[in-house]
C-alpha cells in the first residue's frame, strides 16, 4: 500500500514539473529591405581644413637715411598715401645750405668755362688752361649732385602706394642712420598664407579653389591657390602655400585670420 501511494505521488509531481517548463524558441531578426538599407544614415566625412593669415603684397619698416632731428610726420597712423608721397621730414637746414653753396660754385664754374673757351678760340690761352676750367665745371656739377642726394634724404618718401601701419619714432627725436621711423603696407589685393600637411600634395594643386571663413568679420569668401612652396619641412611634415581671394573682399585687412576649408578628399 505504501509503495503504491509513493508511485502515485511521484507520477503526479513529475508530470506537474514538466508542464511548468517553457520551451524558449529563437526569435528571428527582421530583415531590412533594399530601400531601408539605402535610407540608413552614413557618418559624414570630415573636411580638410587649416588656418590662414592675410598678408599685404608688400610691407616695410622705413628707416632714417641720415643723422639728424626728426622735424615732423606728414601722415597719421592708418592714413593712405601714393607712391612718392613724403611721409616724414628731418631738419635739413645745414644740408640745404650746402646745396646752395654747391649751386653757387657750379654757376661760377660755368661762367669760367665759357670765358676760357672764348679765350682759347682766340689763342689767348693754352688748351691746358681750358681743360682745367672744364674739369672744374664737371667737379662743381658733381658737388651739386651730391648735395641734391643729401637733401633728398631729408624726407622719407613712400616707395609704393599704401597705408601707414604705425609711426615708430617720435617727433623731434635725434635719429641716426638706420633708425626705424615708420611702418607701412602696400595697397592692393591681399594674399593668404597657409601651412598645410605635406600629404595634401596628393591632391592640392595650383589653381585649386577652396573657401575661407574670416574670424574677425564672420564672413566667407572663395580663394584660389596661387603658389605652393618648394620644400617640405621634414620635422612638421608641412609645406607653405599661398592663395588669393577670388573677387572683392570689403573690410579685409592684413593680419586677419580664419579657417580655410578644402572640402573632403
Foldseek 3Di string as FASTA:
>chain_A
DVVVVVVVVVVVVVVVVVVPDDDDDDDDDDDDDPVRVVVDDDDDDDFFKFKKFKAFPDKDFDWQAAWAWFAFAPDAAFDWDFAFDFGTFGDCPVLVVQLVVLVVQLVVLVVQLVVVVVCVVVVNDDPVVNVVSVVSNVVSVVSNVVSVVVNVSRTDGHNGTWGWNHFDDDHGDTHHHPHGGTMTGHDDFIKMKTKHALVCVVPDDFQQKWKWQWPVVRDIFIKTWHDWAPDADPVVNITMTMITTDDDDPPDDGGTMTMITRTHD
